[in-house]
Amino acid sequence: MDVEIAAIGKNNTWELMDLPKVQRSIGVKWIYKTKLNESGEVDKSKALLVVKGYNQEYGVDHKEVFTPVIRLDTIGLMLALAAQNNWPIYQLDVKSAFWHGELQEHIYVD
């Protein structure tokens, strides 16, 4: 949890401020995952702080919906193009990813 909070602070993902009277808080929750190695032993524990988006109401709390997911057929297409054009392929593990710019949110204190 400390690593997640540090990453949020380092990336200036949100700004802590008082909740305006006309707004309602939607809350956050912690998601915990245990990563295993090839032997099935615990490699590391991870914690992720997420917003309870299911508590939001369209038109009240937000006006747009973003789903940053990739489809499996898109991955297949990219791998086929890379193989056809002899492009190098790299794999990486993203430790934390954040929206920036207009999508930056404010976290309010109740």
PDB file of N, CA and C in Angstrom:
ATOM      1  N   MET A   1       0.831  -1.185   0.000  1.00  0.00           N
ATOM      2  CA  MET A   1       0.000   0.000   0.000  1.00  0.00           C
ATOM      3  C   MET A   1       0.877   1.251   0.000  1.00  0.00           C
ATOM      4  N   ASP A   2       1.980   1.201   0.729  1.00  0.00           N
ATOM      5  CA  ASP A   2       2.884   2.350   0.765  1.00  0.00           C
ATOM      6  C   ASP A   2       3.466   2.645  -0.616  1.00  0.00           C
ATOM      7  N   VAL A   3       3.806   1.588  -1.369  1.00  0.00           N
ATOM      8  CA  VAL A   3       4.354   1.756  -2.720  1.00  0.00           C
ATOM      9  C   VAL A   3       3.314   2.403  -3.630  1.00  0.00           C
ATOM     10  N   GLU A   4       2.051   1.980  -3.540  1.00  0.00           N
ATOM     11  CA  GLU A   4       0.974   2.543  -4.353  1.00  0.00           C
ATOM     12  C   GLU A   4       0.747   4.018  -4.016  1.00  0.00           C
ATOM     13  N   ILE A   5       0.687   4.350  -2.739  1.00  0.00           N
ATOM     14  CA  ILE A   5       0.493   5.742  -2.316  1.00  0.00           C
ATOM     15  C   ILE A   5       1.670   6.599  -2.772  1.00  0.00           C
ATOM     16  N   ALA A   6       2.884   6.079  -2.683  1.00  0.00           N
ATOM     17  CA  ALA A   6       4.071   6.821  -3.133  1.00  0.00           C
ATOM     18  C   ALA A   6       4.012   7.076  -4.638  1.00  0.00           C
ATOM     19  N   ALA A   7       3.572   6.080  -5.417  1.00  0.00           N
ATOM     20  CA  ALA A   7       3.464   6.240  -6.870  1.00  0.00           C
ATOM     21  C   ALA A   7       2.406   7.287  -7.223  1.00  0.00           C
ATOM     22  N   ILE A   8       1.295   7.282  -6.502  1.00  0.00           N
ATOM     23  CA  ILE A   8       0.236   8.275  -6.726  1.00  0.00           C
ATOM     24  C   ILE A   8       0.770   9.676  -6.445  1.00  0.00           C
ATOM     25  N   GLY A   9       1.485   9.828  -5.344  1.00  0.00           N
ATOM     26  CA  GLY A   9       2.059  11.136  -5.009  1.00  0.00           C
ATOM     27  C   GLY A   9       3.110  11.585  -6.000  1.00  0.00           C
ATOM     28  N   LYS A  10       3.985  10.666  -6.406  1.00  0.00           N
ATOM     29  CA  LYS A  10       5.072  10.994  -7.334  1.00  0.00           C
ATOM     30  C   LYS A  10       4.535  11.463  -8.687  1.00  0.00           C
ATOM     31  N   ASN A  11       3.432  10.878  -9.134  1.00  0.00           N
ATOM     32  CA  ASN A  11       2.877  11.204 -10.446  1.00  0.00           C
ATOM     33  C   ASN A  11       1.856  12.341 -10.418  1.00  0.00           C
ATOM     34  N   ASN A  12       1.659  12.949  -9.254  1.00  0.00           N
ATOM     35  CA  ASN A  12       0.674  14.046  -9.122  1.00  0.00           C
ATOM     36  C   ASN A  12      -0.660  13.670  -9.750  1.00  0.00           C
ATOM     37  N   THR A  13      -1.139  12.476  -9.428  1.00  0.00           N
ATOM     38  CA  THR A  13      -2.361  11.952 -10.034  1.00  0.00           C
ATOM     39  C   THR A  13      -3.606  12.691  -9.570  1.00  0.00           C
ATOM     40  N   TRP A  14      -3.616  13.145  -8.349  1.00  0.00           N
ATOM     41  CA  TRP A  14      -4.776  13.850  -7.838  1.00  0.00           C
ATOM     42  C   TRP A  14      -4.368  14.901  -6.826  1.00  0.00           C
ATOM     43  N   GLU A  15      -5.327  15.748  -6.506  1.00  0.00           N
ATOM     44  CA  GLU A  15      -5.099  16.829  -5.564  1.00  0.00           C
ATOM     45  C   GLU A  15      -6.112  16.703  -4.443  1.00  0.00           C
ATOM     46  N   LEU A  16      -5.661  16.714  -3.201  1.00  0.00           N
ATOM     47  CA  LEU A  16      -6.541  16.588  -2.048  1.00  0.00           C
ATOM     48  C   LEU A  16      -7.155  17.945  -1.727  1.00  0.00           C
ATOM     49  N   MET A  17      -8.481  17.998  -1.609  1.00  0.00           N
ATOM     50  CA  MET A  17      -9.177  19.253  -1.305  1.00  0.00           C
ATOM     51  C   MET A  17     -10.480  18.955  -0.578  1.00  0.00           C
ATOM     52  N   ASP A  18     -11.102  19.997  -0.034  1.00  0.00           N
ATOM     53  CA  ASP A  18     -12.373  19.840   0.659  1.00  0.00           C
ATOM     54  C   ASP A  18     -13.477  19.561  -0.352  1.00  0.00           C
ATOM     55  N   LEU A  19     -14.434  18.728   0.053  1.00  0.00           N
ATOM     56  CA  LEU A  19     -15.558  18.369  -0.804  1.00  0.00           C
ATOM     57  C   LEU A  19     -16.550  19.533  -0.870  1.00  0.00           C
ATOM     58  N   PRO A  20     -16.835  20.058  -2.087  1.00  0.00           N
ATOM     59  CA  PRO A  20     -17.850  21.121  -2.197  1.00  0.00           C
ATOM     60  C   PRO A  20     -19.218  20.598  -1.749  1.00  0.00           C
ATOM     61  N   LYS A  21     -20.032  21.474  -1.198  1.00  0.00           N
ATOM     62  CA  LYS A  21     -21.338  21.069  -0.680  1.00  0.00           C
ATOM     63  C   LYS A  21     -22.248  20.489  -1.756  1.00  0.00           C
ATOM     64  N   VAL A  22     -22.067  20.885  -3.013  1.00  0.00           N
ATOM     65  CA  VAL A  22     -22.923  20.400  -4.098  1.00  0.00           C
ATOM     66  C   VAL A  22     -22.462  19.045  -4.649  1.00  0.00           C
ATOM     67  N   GLN A  23     -21.342  18.522  -4.167  1.00  0.00           N
ATOM     68  CA  GLN A  23     -20.808  17.242  -4.645  1.00  0.00           C
ATOM     69  C   GLN A  23     -20.995  16.166  -3.597  1.00  0.00           C
ATOM     70  N   ARG A  24     -20.984  14.923  -4.064  1.00  0.00           N
ATOM     71  CA  ARG A  24     -21.018  13.795  -3.135  1.00  0.00           C
ATOM     72  C   ARG A  24     -19.777  12.947  -3.384  1.00  0.00           C
ATOM     73  N   SER A  25     -19.246  12.344  -2.349  1.00  0.00           N
ATOM     74  CA  SER A  25     -18.055  11.510  -2.509  1.00  0.00           C
ATOM     75  C   SER A  25     -18.474  10.134  -3.020  1.00  0.00           C
ATOM     76  N   ILE A  26     -17.589   9.509  -3.797  1.00  0.00           N
ATOM     77  CA  ILE A  26     -17.898   8.172  -4.317  1.00  0.00           C
ATOM     78  C   ILE A  26     -17.017   7.103  -3.689  1.00  0.00           C
ATOM     79  N   GLY A  27     -15.963   7.500  -3.014  1.00  0.00           N
ATOM     80  CA  GLY A  27     -15.137   6.563  -2.265  1.00  0.00           C
ATOM     81  C   GLY A  27     -14.099   5.816  -3.087  1.00  0.00           C
ATOM     82  N   VAL A  28     -13.212   5.157  -2.378  1.00  0.00           N
ATOM     83  CA  VAL A  28     -12.164   4.330  -2.971  1.00  0.00           C
ATOM     84  C   VAL A  28     -12.096   3.016  -2.202  1.00  0.00           C
ATOM     85  N   LYS A  29     -11.424   2.039  -2.790  1.00  0.00           N
ATOM     86  CA  LYS A  29     -11.191   0.784  -2.083  1.00  0.00           C
ATOM     87  C   LYS A  29      -9.850   0.218  -2.511  1.00  0.00           C
ATOM     88  N   TRP A  30      -9.297  -0.642  -1.666  1.00  0.00           N
ATOM     89  CA  TRP A  30      -8.024  -1.293  -1.948  1.00  0.00           C
ATOM     90  C   TRP A  30      -8.285  -2.660  -2.571  1.00  0.00           C
ATOM     91  N   ILE A  31      -7.542  -2.965  -3.635  1.00  0.00           N
ATOM     92  CA  ILE A  31      -7.574  -4.288  -4.267  1.00  0.00           C
ATOM     93  C   ILE A  31      -6.214  -4.929  -3.995  1.00  0.00           C
ATOM     94  N   TYR A  32      -6.214  -6.143  -3.477  1.00  0.00           N
ATOM     95  CA  TYR A  32      -4.971  -6.839  -3.146  1.00  0.00           C
ATOM     96  C   TYR A  32      -4.783  -8.050  -4.058  1.00  0.00           C
ATOM     97  N   LYS A  33      -3.557  -8.242  -4.536  1.00  0.00           N
ATOM     98  CA  LYS A  33      -3.228  -9.392  -5.372  1.00  0.00           C
ATOM     99  C   LYS A  33      -1.927 -10.003  -4.884  1.00  0.00           C
ATOM    100  N   THR A  34      -1.859 -11.316  -4.954  1.00  0.00           N
ATOM    101  CA  THR A  34      -0.637 -12.032  -4.620  1.00  0.00           C
ATOM    102  C   THR A  34      -0.071 -12.602  -5.914  1.00  0.00           C
ATOM    103  N   LYS A  35       1.130 -12.215  -6.273  1.00  0.00           N
ATOM    104  CA  LYS A  35       1.801 -12.710  -7.476  1.00  0.00           C
ATOM    105  C   LYS A  35       2.634 -13.931  -7.114  1.00  0.00           C
ATOM    106  N   LEU A  36       2.487 -14.985  -7.900  1.00  0.00           N
ATOM    107  CA  LEU A  36       3.232 -16.217  -7.667  1.00  0.00           C
ATOM    108  C   LEU A  36       4.331 -16.371  -8.713  1.00  0.00           C
ATOM    109  N   ASN A  37       5.408 -17.049  -8.354  1.00  0.00           N
ATOM    110  CA  ASN A  37       6.474 -17.338  -9.319  1.00  0.00           C
ATOM    111  C   ASN A  37       6.170 -18.661 -10.027  1.00  0.00           C
ATOM    112  N   GLU A  38       7.100 -19.130 -10.856  1.00  0.00           N
ATOM    113  CA  GLU A  38       6.889 -20.353 -11.637  1.00  0.00           C
ATOM    114  C   GLU A  38       6.666 -21.572 -10.749  1.00  0.00           C
ATOM    115  N   SER A  39       7.224 -21.560  -9.545  1.00  0.00           N
ATOM    116  CA  SER A  39       7.105 -22.688  -8.615  1.00  0.00           C
ATOM    117  C   SER A  39       5.810 -22.646  -7.803  1.00  0.00           C
ATOM    118  N   GLY A  40       5.021 -21.599  -7.985  1.00  0.00           N
ATOM    119  CA  GLY A  40       3.785 -21.461  -7.230  1.00  0.00           C
ATOM    120  C   GLY A  40       3.968 -20.829  -5.865  1.00  0.00           C
ATOM    121  N   GLU A  41       5.179 -20.350  -5.596  1.00  0.00           N
ATOM    122  CA  GLU A  41       5.452 -19.687  -4.321  1.00  0.00           C
ATOM    123  C   GLU A  41       5.142 -18.195  -4.447  1.00  0.00           C
ATOM    124  N   VAL A  42       4.845 -17.559  -3.321  1.00  0.00           N
ATOM    125  CA  VAL A  42       4.539 -16.130  -3.331  1.00  0.00           C
ATOM    126  C   VAL A  42       5.779 -15.346  -3.752  1.00  0.00           C
ATOM    127  N   ASP A  43       5.644 -14.582  -4.830  1.00  0.00           N
ATOM    128  CA  ASP A  43       6.736 -13.746  -5.332  1.00  0.00           C
ATOM    129  C   ASP A  43       6.646 -12.347  -4.729  1.00  0.00           C
ATOM    130  N   LYS A  44       5.437 -11.762  -4.764  1.00  0.00           N
ATOM    131  CA  LYS A  44       5.226 -10.450  -4.157  1.00  0.00           C
ATOM    132  C   LYS A  44       3.739 -10.215  -3.962  1.00  0.00           C
ATOM    133  N   SER A  45       3.439  -9.295  -3.081  1.00  0.00           N
ATOM    134  CA  SER A  45       2.062  -8.873  -2.837  1.00  0.00           C
ATOM    135  C   SER A  45       1.897  -7.476  -3.409  1.00  0.00           C
ATOM    136  N   LYS A  46       0.751  -7.233  -4.044  1.00  0.00           N
ATOM    137  CA  LYS A  46       0.501  -5.922  -4.647  1.00  0.00           C
ATOM    138  C   LYS A  46      -0.790  -5.347  -4.095  1.00  0.00           C
ATOM    139  N   ALA A  47      -0.845  -4.030  -4.031  1.00  0.00           N
ATOM    140  CA  ALA A  47      -2.049  -3.321  -3.603  1.00  0.00           C
ATOM    141  C   ALA A  47      -2.353  -2.238  -4.632  1.00  0.00           C
ATOM    142  N   LEU A  48      -3.618  -2.075  -4.944  1.00  0.00           N
ATOM    143  CA  LEU A  48      -4.051  -1.087  -5.929  1.00  0.00           C
ATOM    144  C   LEU A  48      -5.219  -0.305  -5.343  1.00  0.00           C
ATOM    145  N   LEU A  49      -5.114   1.016  -5.353  1.00  0.00           N
ATOM    146  CA  LEU A  49      -6.186   1.877  -4.863  1.00  0.00           C
ATOM    147  C   LEU A  49      -7.058   2.271  -6.046  1.00  0.00           C
ATOM    148  N   VAL A  50      -8.339   1.921  -6.003  1.00  0.00           N
ATOM    149  CA  VAL A  50      -9.248   2.208  -7.116  1.00  0.00           C
ATOM    150  C   VAL A  50     -10.464   2.988  -6.626  1.00  0.00           C
ATOM    151  N   VAL A  51     -11.028   3.784  -7.510  1.00  0.00           N
ATOM    152  CA  VAL A  51     -12.240   4.545  -7.223  1.00  0.00           C
ATOM    153  C   VAL A  51     -13.446   3.628  -7.394  1.00  0.00           C
ATOM    154  N   LYS A  52     -14.424   3.756  -6.522  1.00  0.00           N
ATOM    155  CA  LYS A  52     -15.648   2.958  -6.620  1.00  0.00           C
ATOM    156  C   LYS A  52     -16.540   3.556  -7.708  1.00  0.00           C
ATOM    157  N   GLY A  53     -16.139   3.335  -8.944  1.00  0.00           N
ATOM    158  CA  GLY A  53     -16.850   3.905 -10.080  1.00  0.00           C
ATOM    159  C   GLY A  53     -18.299   3.468 -10.180  1.00  0.00           C
ATOM    160  N   TYR A  54     -18.619   2.307  -9.625  1.00  0.00           N
ATOM    161  CA  TYR A  54     -19.993   1.813  -9.659  1.00  0.00           C
ATOM    162  C   TYR A  54     -20.938   2.679  -8.837  1.00  0.00           C
ATOM    163  N   ASN A  55     -20.401   3.574  -8.010  1.00  0.00           N
ATOM    164  CA  ASN A  55     -21.233   4.496  -7.231  1.00  0.00           C
ATOM    165  C   ASN A  55     -21.520   5.793  -7.984  1.00  0.00           C
ATOM    166  N   GLN A  56     -20.940   5.951  -9.165  1.00  0.00           N
ATOM    167  CA  GLN A  56     -21.129   7.175  -9.927  1.00  0.00           C
ATOM    168  C   GLN A  56     -22.437   7.134 -10.710  1.00  0.00           C
ATOM    169  N   GLU A  57     -22.982   8.312 -10.962  1.00  0.00           N
ATOM    170  CA  GLU A  57     -24.198   8.432 -11.744  1.00  0.00           C
ATOM    171  C   GLU A  57     -23.898   9.282 -12.979  1.00  0.00           C
ATOM    172  N   TYR A  58     -24.214   8.743 -14.169  1.00  0.00           N
ATOM    173  CA  TYR A  58     -23.946   9.444 -15.413  1.00  0.00           C
ATOM    174  C   TYR A  58     -24.695  10.782 -15.430  1.00  0.00           C
ATOM    175  N   GLY A  59     -24.008  11.843 -15.837  1.00  0.00           N
ATOM    176  CA  GLY A  59     -24.594  13.172 -15.889  1.00  0.00           C
ATOM    177  C   GLY A  59     -24.493  13.930 -14.574  1.00  0.00           C
ATOM    178  N   VAL A  60     -24.252  13.218 -13.472  1.00  0.00           N
ATOM    179  CA  VAL A  60     -24.089  13.859 -12.170  1.00  0.00           C
ATOM    180  C   VAL A  60     -22.613  13.878 -11.794  1.00  0.00           C
ATOM    181  N   ASP A  61     -21.983  12.695 -11.783  1.00  0.00           N
ATOM    182  CA  ASP A  61     -20.581  12.572 -11.395  1.00  0.00           C
ATOM    183  C   ASP A  61     -19.631  12.601 -12.595  1.00  0.00           C
ATOM    184  N   HIS A  62     -20.117  12.272 -13.758  1.00  0.00           N
ATOM    185  CA  HIS A  62     -19.275  12.249 -14.964  1.00  0.00           C
ATOM    186  C   HIS A  62     -20.148  12.381 -16.203  1.00  0.00           C
ATOM    187  N   LYS A  63     -19.506  12.754 -17.319  1.00  0.00           N
ATOM    188  CA  LYS A  63     -20.230  12.892 -18.577  1.00  0.00           C
ATOM    189  C   LYS A  63     -19.632  12.018 -19.683  1.00  0.00           C
ATOM    190  N   GLU A  64     -18.443  11.469 -19.443  1.00  0.00           N
ATOM    191  CA  GLU A  64     -17.795  10.611 -20.428  1.00  0.00           C
ATOM    192  C   GLU A  64     -17.315   9.333 -19.760  1.00  0.00           C
ATOM    193  N   VAL A  65     -17.193   8.274 -20.554  1.00  0.00           N
ATOM    194  CA  VAL A  65     -16.712   6.990 -20.051  1.00  0.00           C
ATOM    195  C   VAL A  65     -15.502   6.574 -20.891  1.00  0.00           C
ATOM    196  N   PHE A  66     -14.437   6.173 -20.220  1.00  0.00           N
ATOM    197  CA  PHE A  66     -13.225   5.730 -20.908  1.00  0.00           C
ATOM    198  C   PHE A  66     -12.935   4.296 -20.485  1.00  0.00           C
ATOM    199  N   THR A  67     -12.625   3.434 -21.456  1.00  0.00           N
ATOM    200  CA  THR A  67     -12.272   2.053 -21.153  1.00  0.00           C
ATOM    201  C   THR A  67     -10.943   1.724 -21.820  1.00  0.00           C
ATOM    202  N   PRO A  68      -9.838   1.930 -21.118  1.00  0.00           N
ATOM    203  CA  PRO A  68      -8.523   1.686 -21.708  1.00  0.00           C
ATOM    204  C   PRO A  68      -8.148   0.205 -21.693  1.00  0.00           C
ATOM    205  N   VAL A  69      -8.811  -0.580 -22.526  1.00  0.00           N
ATOM    206  CA  VAL A  69      -8.502  -2.005 -22.610  1.00  0.00           C
ATOM    207  C   VAL A  69      -8.141  -2.348 -24.046  1.00  0.00           C
ATOM    208  N   ILE A  70      -7.364  -3.391 -24.212  1.00  0.00           N
ATOM    209  CA  ILE A  70      -6.979  -3.836 -25.542  1.00  0.00           C
ATOM    210  C   ILE A  70      -7.614  -5.195 -25.797  1.00  0.00           C
ATOM    211  N   ARG A  71      -8.060  -5.396 -27.009  1.00  0.00           N
ATOM    212  CA  ARG A  71      -8.692  -6.658 -27.371  1.00  0.00           C
ATOM    213  C   ARG A  71      -7.629  -7.665 -27.794  1.00  0.00           C
ATOM    214  N   LEU A  72      -7.903  -8.930 -27.568  1.00  0.00           N
ATOM    215  CA  LEU A  72      -6.963  -9.993 -27.904  1.00  0.00           C
ATOM    216  C   LEU A  72      -6.659 -10.023 -29.403  1.00  0.00           C
ATOM    217  N   ASP A  73      -7.664  -9.762 -30.253  1.00  0.00           N
ATOM    218  CA  ASP A  73      -7.409  -9.764 -31.700  1.00  0.00           C
ATOM    219  C   ASP A  73      -6.501  -8.611 -32.120  1.00  0.00           C
ATOM    220  N   THR A  74      -6.503  -7.506 -31.368  1.00  0.00           N
ATOM    221  CA  THR A  74      -5.583  -6.396 -31.642  1.00  0.00           C
ATOM    222  C   THR A  74      -4.143  -6.813 -31.350  1.00  0.00           C
ATOM    223  N   ILE A  75      -3.942  -7.549 -30.258  1.00  0.00           N
ATOM    224  CA  ILE A  75      -2.605  -8.051 -29.936  1.00  0.00           C
ATOM    225  C   ILE A  75      -2.127  -8.995 -31.034  1.00  0.00           C
ATOM    226  N   GLY A  76      -3.014  -9.884 -31.494  1.00  0.00           N
ATOM    227  CA  GLY A  76      -2.670 -10.814 -32.582  1.00  0.00           C
ATOM    228  C   GLY A  76      -2.285 -10.083 -33.847  1.00  0.00           C
ATOM    229  N   LEU A  77      -3.017  -9.037 -34.183  1.00  0.00           N
ATOM    230  CA  LEU A  77      -2.707  -8.241 -35.373  1.00  0.00           C
ATOM    231  C   LEU A  77      -1.339  -7.580 -35.250  1.00  0.00           C
ATOM    232  N   MET A  78      -1.062  -7.010 -34.076  1.00  0.00           N
ATOM    233  CA  MET A  78       0.231  -6.350 -33.883  1.00  0.00           C
ATOM    234  C   MET A  78       1.388  -7.349 -33.955  1.00  0.00           C
ATOM    235  N   LEU A  79       1.207  -8.530 -33.383  1.00  0.00           N
ATOM    236  CA  LEU A  79       2.249  -9.562 -33.455  1.00  0.00           C
ATOM    237  C   LEU A  79       2.455 -10.029 -34.897  1.00  0.00           C
ATOM    238  N   ALA A  80       1.362 -10.168 -35.662  1.00  0.00           N
ATOM    239  CA  ALA A  80       1.473 -10.572 -37.068  1.00  0.00           C
ATOM    240  C   ALA A  80       2.213  -9.517 -37.883  1.00  0.00           C
ATOM    241  N   LEU A  81       1.888  -8.237 -37.653  1.00  0.00           N
ATOM    242  CA  LEU A  81       2.593  -7.158 -38.363  1.00  0.00           C
ATOM    243  C   LEU A  81       4.078  -7.139 -38.009  1.00  0.00           C
ATOM    244  N   ALA A  82       4.390  -7.343 -36.730  1.00  0.00           N
ATOM    245  CA  ALA A  82       5.783  -7.357 -36.298  1.00  0.00           C
ATOM    246  C   ALA A  82       6.541  -8.513 -36.957  1.00  0.00           C
ATOM    247  N   ALA A  83       5.918  -9.687 -37.005  1.00  0.00           N
ATOM    248  CA  ALA A  83       6.572 -10.848 -37.628  1.00  0.00           C
ATOM    249  C   ALA A  83       6.761 -10.630 -39.128  1.00  0.00           C
ATOM    250  N   GLN A  84       5.754 -10.076 -39.781  1.00  0.00           N
ATOM    251  CA  GLN A  84       5.807  -9.844 -41.225  1.00  0.00           C
ATOM    252  C   GLN A  84       6.871  -8.814 -41.602  1.00  0.00           C
ATOM    253  N   ASN A  85       7.076  -7.822 -40.752  1.00  0.00           N
ATOM    254  CA  ASN A  85       8.002  -6.729 -41.048  1.00  0.00           C
ATOM    255  C   ASN A  85       9.338  -6.843 -40.308  1.00  0.00           C
ATOM    256  N   ASN A  86       9.554  -7.982 -39.624  1.00  0.00           N
ATOM    257  CA  ASN A  86      10.785  -8.199 -38.853  1.00  0.00           C
ATOM    258  C   ASN A  86      11.036  -7.102 -37.826  1.00  0.00           C
ATOM    259  N   TRP A  87       9.957  -6.642 -37.191  1.00  0.00           N
ATOM    260  CA  TRP A  87      10.079  -5.634 -36.144  1.00  0.00           C
ATOM    261  C   TRP A  87      10.443  -6.322 -34.827  1.00  0.00           C
ATOM    262  N   PRO A  88      11.271  -5.699 -34.000  1.00  0.00           N
ATOM    263  CA  PRO A  88      11.560  -6.295 -32.688  1.00  0.00           C
ATOM    264  C   PRO A  88      10.338  -6.159 -31.775  1.00  0.00           C
ATOM    265  N   ILE A  89      10.164  -7.126 -30.894  1.00  0.00           N
ATOM    266  CA  ILE A  89       9.060  -7.117 -29.939  1.00  0.00           C
ATOM    267  C   ILE A  89       9.643  -7.078 -28.538  1.00  0.00           C
ATOM    268  N   TYR A  90       9.130  -6.174 -27.710  1.00  0.00           N
ATOM    269  CA  TYR A  90       9.593  -6.030 -26.338  1.00  0.00           C
ATOM    270  C   TYR A  90       8.416  -6.223 -25.399  1.00  0.00           C
ATOM    271  N   GLN A  91       8.686  -6.768 -24.248  1.00  0.00           N
ATOM    272  CA  GLN A  91       7.678  -6.916 -23.209  1.00  0.00           C
ATOM    273  C   GLN A  91       8.110  -6.081 -22.014  1.00  0.00           C
ATOM    274  N   LEU A  92       7.140  -5.464 -21.330  1.00  0.00           N
ATOM    275  CA  LEU A  92       7.463  -4.707 -20.134  1.00  0.00           C
ATOM    276  C   LEU A  92       6.337  -4.827 -19.134  1.00  0.00           C
ATOM    277  N   ASP A  93       6.674  -4.574 -17.907  1.00  0.00           N
ATOM    278  CA  ASP A  93       5.696  -4.597 -16.828  1.00  0.00           C
ATOM    279  C   ASP A  93       5.526  -3.166 -16.330  1.00  0.00           C
ATOM    280  N   VAL A  94       4.338  -2.614 -16.488  1.00  0.00           N
ATOM    281  CA  VAL A  94       4.067  -1.247 -16.047  1.00  0.00           C
ATOM    282  C   VAL A  94       3.707  -1.289 -14.569  1.00  0.00           C
ATOM    283  N   LYS A  95       4.484  -0.603 -13.750  1.00  0.00           N
ATOM    284  CA  LYS A  95       4.235  -0.614 -12.308  1.00  0.00           C
ATOM    285  C   LYS A  95       3.006   0.208 -11.943  1.00  0.00           C
ATOM    286  N   SER A  96       2.822   1.349 -12.596  1.00  0.00           N
ATOM    287  CA  SER A  96       1.635   2.159 -12.339  1.00  0.00           C
ATOM    288  C   SER A  96       1.342   2.993 -13.571  1.00  0.00           C
ATOM    289  N   ALA A  97       0.057   3.145 -13.866  1.00  0.00           N
ATOM    290  CA  ALA A  97      -0.367   3.932 -15.018  1.00  0.00           C
ATOM    291  C   ALA A  97      -1.423   4.929 -14.552  1.00  0.00           C
ATOM    292  N   PHE A  98      -1.354   6.159 -15.069  1.00  0.00           N
ATOM    293  CA  PHE A  98      -2.262   7.208 -14.624  1.00  0.00           C
ATOM    294  C   PHE A  98      -2.768   8.012 -15.816  1.00  0.00           C
ATOM    295  N   TRP A  99      -3.993   8.503 -15.699  1.00  0.00           N
ATOM    296  CA  TRP A  99      -4.516   9.467 -16.665  1.00  0.00           C
ATOM    297  C   TRP A  99      -3.886  10.813 -16.353  1.00  0.00           C
ATOM    298  N   HIS A 100      -3.621  11.608 -17.386  1.00  0.00           N
ATOM    299  CA  HIS A 100      -3.083  12.946 -17.190  1.00  0.00           C
ATOM    300  C   HIS A 100      -3.919  13.960 -17.952  1.00  0.00           C
ATOM    301  N   GLY A 101      -3.648  15.237 -17.725  1.00  0.00           N
ATOM    302  CA  GLY A 101      -4.328  16.303 -18.462  1.00  0.00           C
ATOM    303  C   GLY A 101      -5.757  16.474 -18.004  1.00  0.00           C
ATOM    304  N   GLU A 102      -6.688  16.518 -18.971  1.00  0.00           N
ATOM    305  CA  GLU A 102      -8.085  16.786 -18.657  1.00  0.00           C
ATOM    306  C   GLU A 102      -8.727  15.693 -17.819  1.00  0.00           C
ATOM    307  N   LEU A 103      -8.138  14.500 -17.814  1.00  0.00           N
ATOM    308  CA  LEU A 103      -8.728  13.400 -17.069  1.00  0.00           C
ATOM    309  C   LEU A 103      -8.291  13.368 -15.627  1.00  0.00           C
ATOM    310  N   GLN A 104      -7.400  14.265 -15.244  1.00  0.00           N
ATOM    311  CA  GLN A 104      -6.921  14.283 -13.855  1.00  0.00           C
ATOM    312  C   GLN A 104      -8.093  14.594 -12.933  1.00  0.00           C
ATOM    313  N   GLU A 105      -8.206  13.836 -11.871  1.00  0.00           N
ATOM    314  CA  GLU A 105      -9.340  13.960 -10.949  1.00  0.00           C
ATOM    315  C   GLU A 105      -8.920  14.628  -9.655  1.00  0.00           C
ATOM    316  N   HIS A 106      -9.902  15.095  -8.916  1.00  0.00           N
ATOM    317  CA  HIS A 106      -9.684  15.637  -7.582  1.00  0.00           C
ATOM    318  C   HIS A 106     -10.206  14.603  -6.576  1.00  0.00           C
ATOM    319  N   ILE A 107      -9.474  14.384  -5.528  1.00  0.00           N
ATOM    320  CA  ILE A 107      -9.937  13.507  -4.453  1.00  0.00           C
ATOM    321  C   ILE A 107     -10.370  14.426  -3.314  1.00  0.00           C
ATOM    322  N   TYR A 108     -11.624  14.309  -2.922  1.00  0.00           N
ATOM    323  CA  TYR A 108     -12.181  15.171  -1.894  1.00  0.00           C
ATOM    324  C   TYR A 108     -12.229  14.453  -0.544  1.00  0.00           C
ATOM    325  N   VAL A 109     -12.104  15.223   0.513  1.00  0.00           N
ATOM    326  CA  VAL A 109     -12.166  14.693   1.870  1.00  0.00           C
ATOM    327  C   VAL A 109     -13.551  14.972   2.422  1.00  0.00           C
ATOM    328  N   ASP A 110     -14.226  13.933   2.934  1.00  0.00           N
ATOM    329  CA  ASP A 110     -15.549  14.122   3.568  1.00  0.00           C
ATOM    330  C   ASP A 110     -15.400  14.777   4.914  1.00  0.00           C
TER     331      ASP A 110
END
